[in-house]
Protein backbone atom coordinates (compact mmCIF):
# COMPACT_ATOMS: atom_id res chain seq x y z
CA MET A 1 0.00 0.00 0.00
CA THR A 2 2.87 2.36 0.74
CA ARG A 3 4.18 1.87 -2.80
CA LEU A 4 0.73 2.63 -4.25
CA MET A 5 0.44 5.77 -2.14
CA ALA A 6 3.90 6.90 -3.27
CA SER A 7 2.85 6.43 -6.91
CA VAL A 8 -0.29 8.48 -6.37
CA ALA A 9 1.69 11.19 -4.57
CA SER A 10 4.57 11.50 -7.00
CA ALA A 11 3.17 10.61 -10.43
CA ARG A 12 -0.58 11.09 -9.86
CA ASP A 13 -0.87 7.46 -11.00
CA VAL A 14 -4.57 6.79 -11.68
CA GLU A 15 -4.12 3.00 -11.69
CA ALA A 16 -2.45 3.12 -8.27
CA PHE A 17 -5.30 5.29 -6.96
CA GLU A 18 -7.88 2.84 -8.36
CA ALA A 19 -6.14 0.05 -6.44
CA LEU A 20 -6.19 2.17 -3.27
CA PHE A 21 -9.84 3.01 -3.88
CA ARG A 22 -10.81 -0.65 -4.35
CA HIS A 23 -8.97 -1.55 -1.16
CA TYR A 24 -9.97 1.36 1.11
CA GLY A 25 -13.32 2.48 -0.34
CA PRO A 26 -15.43 -0.36 1.11
CA ARG A 27 -13.55 -0.26 4.42
CA VAL A 28 -13.99 3.49 4.81
CA ARG A 29 -17.69 3.22 3.83
CA ALA A 30 -18.19 0.51 6.49
CA PHE A 31 -16.39 2.67 9.07
CA MET A 32 -18.56 5.66 8.20
CA LEU A 33 -21.73 3.57 8.27
CA ARG A 34 -20.89 2.37 11.79
CA GLN A 35 -20.27 5.96 12.86
CA THR A 36 -23.21 7.68 11.14
CA ARG A 37 -25.84 4.91 10.71
CA ASP A 38 -26.82 6.66 7.48
CA ILE A 39 -26.00 4.92 4.17
CA SER A 40 -26.09 8.03 1.99
CA LEU A 41 -23.97 10.05 4.44
CA ALA A 42 -21.52 7.15 4.78
CA GLU A 43 -21.21 6.93 0.99
CA GLU A 44 -20.73 10.68 0.68
CA LEU A 45 -18.06 10.74 3.40
CA MET A 46 -16.27 7.78 1.83
CA GLN A 47 -16.17 9.59 -1.52
CA GLU A 48 -14.91 12.74 0.16
CA THR A 49 -12.27 10.74 2.03
CA MET A 50 -10.98 9.10 -1.13
CA MET A 51 -10.93 12.45 -2.95
CA THR A 52 -8.87 13.88 -0.10
CA VAL A 53 -6.52 10.89 -0.34
CA TRP A 54 -6.10 11.63 -4.06
CA ASN A 55 -5.59 15.38 -3.56
CA LYS A 56 -3.33 15.16 -0.52
CA ALA A 57 -1.39 11.95 -1.15
CA ASP A 58 1.82 13.96 -1.09
CA LEU A 59 1.16 14.71 2.60
CA PHE A 60 1.53 11.02 3.52
CA TYR A 61 4.91 10.22 5.07
CA PRO A 62 5.60 6.49 5.56
CA GLU A 63 8.02 7.21 8.40
CA ARG A 64 5.14 8.68 10.43
CA GLY A 65 2.77 5.75 10.11
CA THR A 66 0.93 3.32 7.88
CA VAL A 67 -1.29 4.07 4.93
CA ASP A 68 -4.21 2.53 6.88
CA ALA A 69 -3.71 4.92 9.78
CA TRP A 70 -3.40 7.93 7.47
CA VAL A 71 -6.49 7.10 5.39
CA PHE A 72 -8.63 6.47 8.48
CA THR A 73 -7.35 9.64 10.13
CA VAL A 74 -8.48 11.57 7.05
CA ALA A 75 -11.84 9.75 7.24
CA ARG A 76 -12.28 10.46 10.94
CA ASN A 77 -11.44 14.16 10.49
CA LEU A 78 -13.94 14.51 7.64
CA ARG A 79 -16.63 12.76 9.71
CA THR A 80 -15.95 15.11 12.64
CA SER A 81 -16.20 18.14 10.35
CA ALA A 82 -19.46 16.83 8.90
CA PHE A 83 -20.95 16.32 12.37
CA ARG A 84 -19.94 19.80 13.42
CA LYS A 85 -21.64 21.28 10.38
CA MET A 86 -24.78 19.23 11.01
CA LYS A 87 -25.02 20.24 14.68
CA ARG A 88 -24.99 23.96 14.07
CA PRO A 89 -28.21 25.51 15.29
CA VAL A 90 -30.60 26.66 12.63
CA PHE A 91 -31.29 30.39 12.67
CA ASP A 92 -34.86 31.03 13.78
CA PRO A 93 -35.93 34.59 12.97
CA THR A 94 -38.95 34.22 15.30
CA ASP A 95 -36.73 33.50 18.31
CA PRO A 96 -37.62 36.10 20.97
CA ALA A 97 -33.96 37.07 21.26
CA PHE A 98 -34.07 38.35 17.66
CA VAL A 99 -37.53 39.94 17.71
CA PRO A 100 -37.45 43.59 18.74
CA ASP A 101 -39.64 44.76 21.59
CA GLU A 102 -42.95 46.27 20.69
CA PRO A 103 -42.76 50.06 20.52
CA LEU A 104 -44.02 51.78 23.66
CA GLU A 105 -47.29 53.60 23.67
CA PRO A 106 -46.75 57.37 23.48
CA GLY A 107 -47.95 57.84 27.07
CA GLU A 108 -45.60 55.14 28.35
CA GLN A 109 -42.69 56.63 26.42
CA LEU A 110 -43.42 60.08 27.86
CA GLU A 111 -43.62 58.63 31.37
CA ARG A 112 -40.27 56.88 30.99
CA THR A 113 -38.68 60.04 29.63
CA ASP A 114 -40.05 62.02 32.56
CA ASP A 115 -38.79 59.40 35.04
CA ALA A 116 -35.34 59.49 33.49
CA GLU A 117 -35.25 63.28 33.65
CA ARG A 118 -36.35 63.30 37.32
CA LEU A 119 -33.62 60.76 38.10
CA ARG A 120 -30.99 62.90 36.33
CA LEU A 121 -32.05 65.97 38.29
CA ALA A 122 -32.07 64.04 41.58
CA MET A 123 -28.56 62.70 40.86
CA LYS A 124 -27.27 66.25 40.38
CA ASP A 125 -28.24 67.03 43.99
CA LEU A 126 -26.19 64.13 45.43
CA PRO A 127 -22.90 64.89 47.20
CA PRO A 128 -19.96 64.32 44.83
CA GLU A 129 -18.59 61.31 46.78
CA GLN A 130 -21.96 59.53 46.61
CA LEU A 131 -22.44 60.33 42.94
CA GLU A 132 -18.94 59.06 42.20
CA VAL A 133 -19.51 55.63 43.80
CA LEU A 134 -22.91 55.29 42.09
CA LYS A 135 -21.44 56.00 38.68
CA TYR A 136 -18.58 53.55 39.17
CA ALA A 137 -20.78 50.83 40.67
CA PHE A 138 -23.71 51.01 38.28
CA PHE A 139 -22.61 52.69 35.07
CA ASP A 140 -19.10 51.23 34.92
CA ASP A 141 -20.18 47.97 36.63
CA ILE A 142 -17.27 47.92 39.07
CA SER A 143 -17.66 45.63 42.08
CA HIS A 144 -17.67 47.12 45.57
CA ARG A 145 -14.33 45.48 46.39
CA LYS A 146 -12.61 46.79 43.25
CA LEU A 147 -14.17 50.20 43.76
CA ALA A 148 -12.88 50.31 47.34
CA ALA A 149 -9.38 49.47 46.11
CA LYS A 150 -9.62 52.07 43.33
CA LEU A 151 -10.73 54.85 45.67
CA GLY A 152 -8.60 53.74 48.63
CA LEU A 153 -11.62 53.36 50.89
CA PRO A 154 -13.00 50.50 53.00
CA VAL A 155 -15.70 48.36 51.35
CA GLY A 156 -18.11 49.36 54.14
CA THR A 157 -17.70 53.03 53.23
CA ILE A 158 -18.49 52.27 49.58
CA LYS A 159 -21.64 50.37 50.60
CA SER A 160 -22.69 53.14 52.99
CA ARG A 161 -22.30 55.82 50.34
CA ILE A 162 -24.35 53.78 47.87
CA ARG A 163 -27.05 53.15 50.48
CA MET A 164 -27.20 56.86 51.43
CA ALA A 165 -27.34 57.85 47.74
CA PHE A 166 -30.24 55.45 47.16
CA GLY A 167 -32.08 56.89 50.15
CA LYS A 168 -31.66 60.45 48.87
CA LEU A 169 -32.68 59.44 45.32
CA ARG A 170 -35.76 57.60 46.60
CA LYS A 171 -36.84 60.61 48.66
CA ALA A 172 -36.23 63.04 45.80
CA LEU A 173 -38.21 60.88 43.35
CA GLU A 174 -41.10 60.44 45.79
CA ASP A 175 -41.22 64.21 46.38
CA ALA A 176 -41.19 64.83 42.60
CA GLU A 177 -44.32 62.73 42.07
């Protein structure tokens, strides 16, 4: 078999490839059938394997292993690639993750805009140290521990400032209603 593979690799010998095909074709098809349990897929993968053997015969090195091992490694890799392609999820345009939210009613939109504006105004009235920890913690998504390290403060102080800021914001928003 090594001599046949060398002929295919060096001279693109069609007769040598036919001999390889007659020898390995049925064995690869049987291997694929055991793996896939689908006759048409097994046949297709066998054909693809043998075409790869023809096209890449020059990549076979007898000092690295046998022709059997090389051919079945090619077959196994093609089968793995085929399974990966088959297991890709099918795009579903009706999936809720891809469907945009319904537009808000004009009254709802106005209410949300008003709420956001009241919150912005209330945040302007916070002491700078409380506003700073709120921005870092909620807008920059920095944990309390990292924020404490960044500002050189104890974690308890960070939590207290956030709690006091929430209290002041809650009161300001309740008063604004």
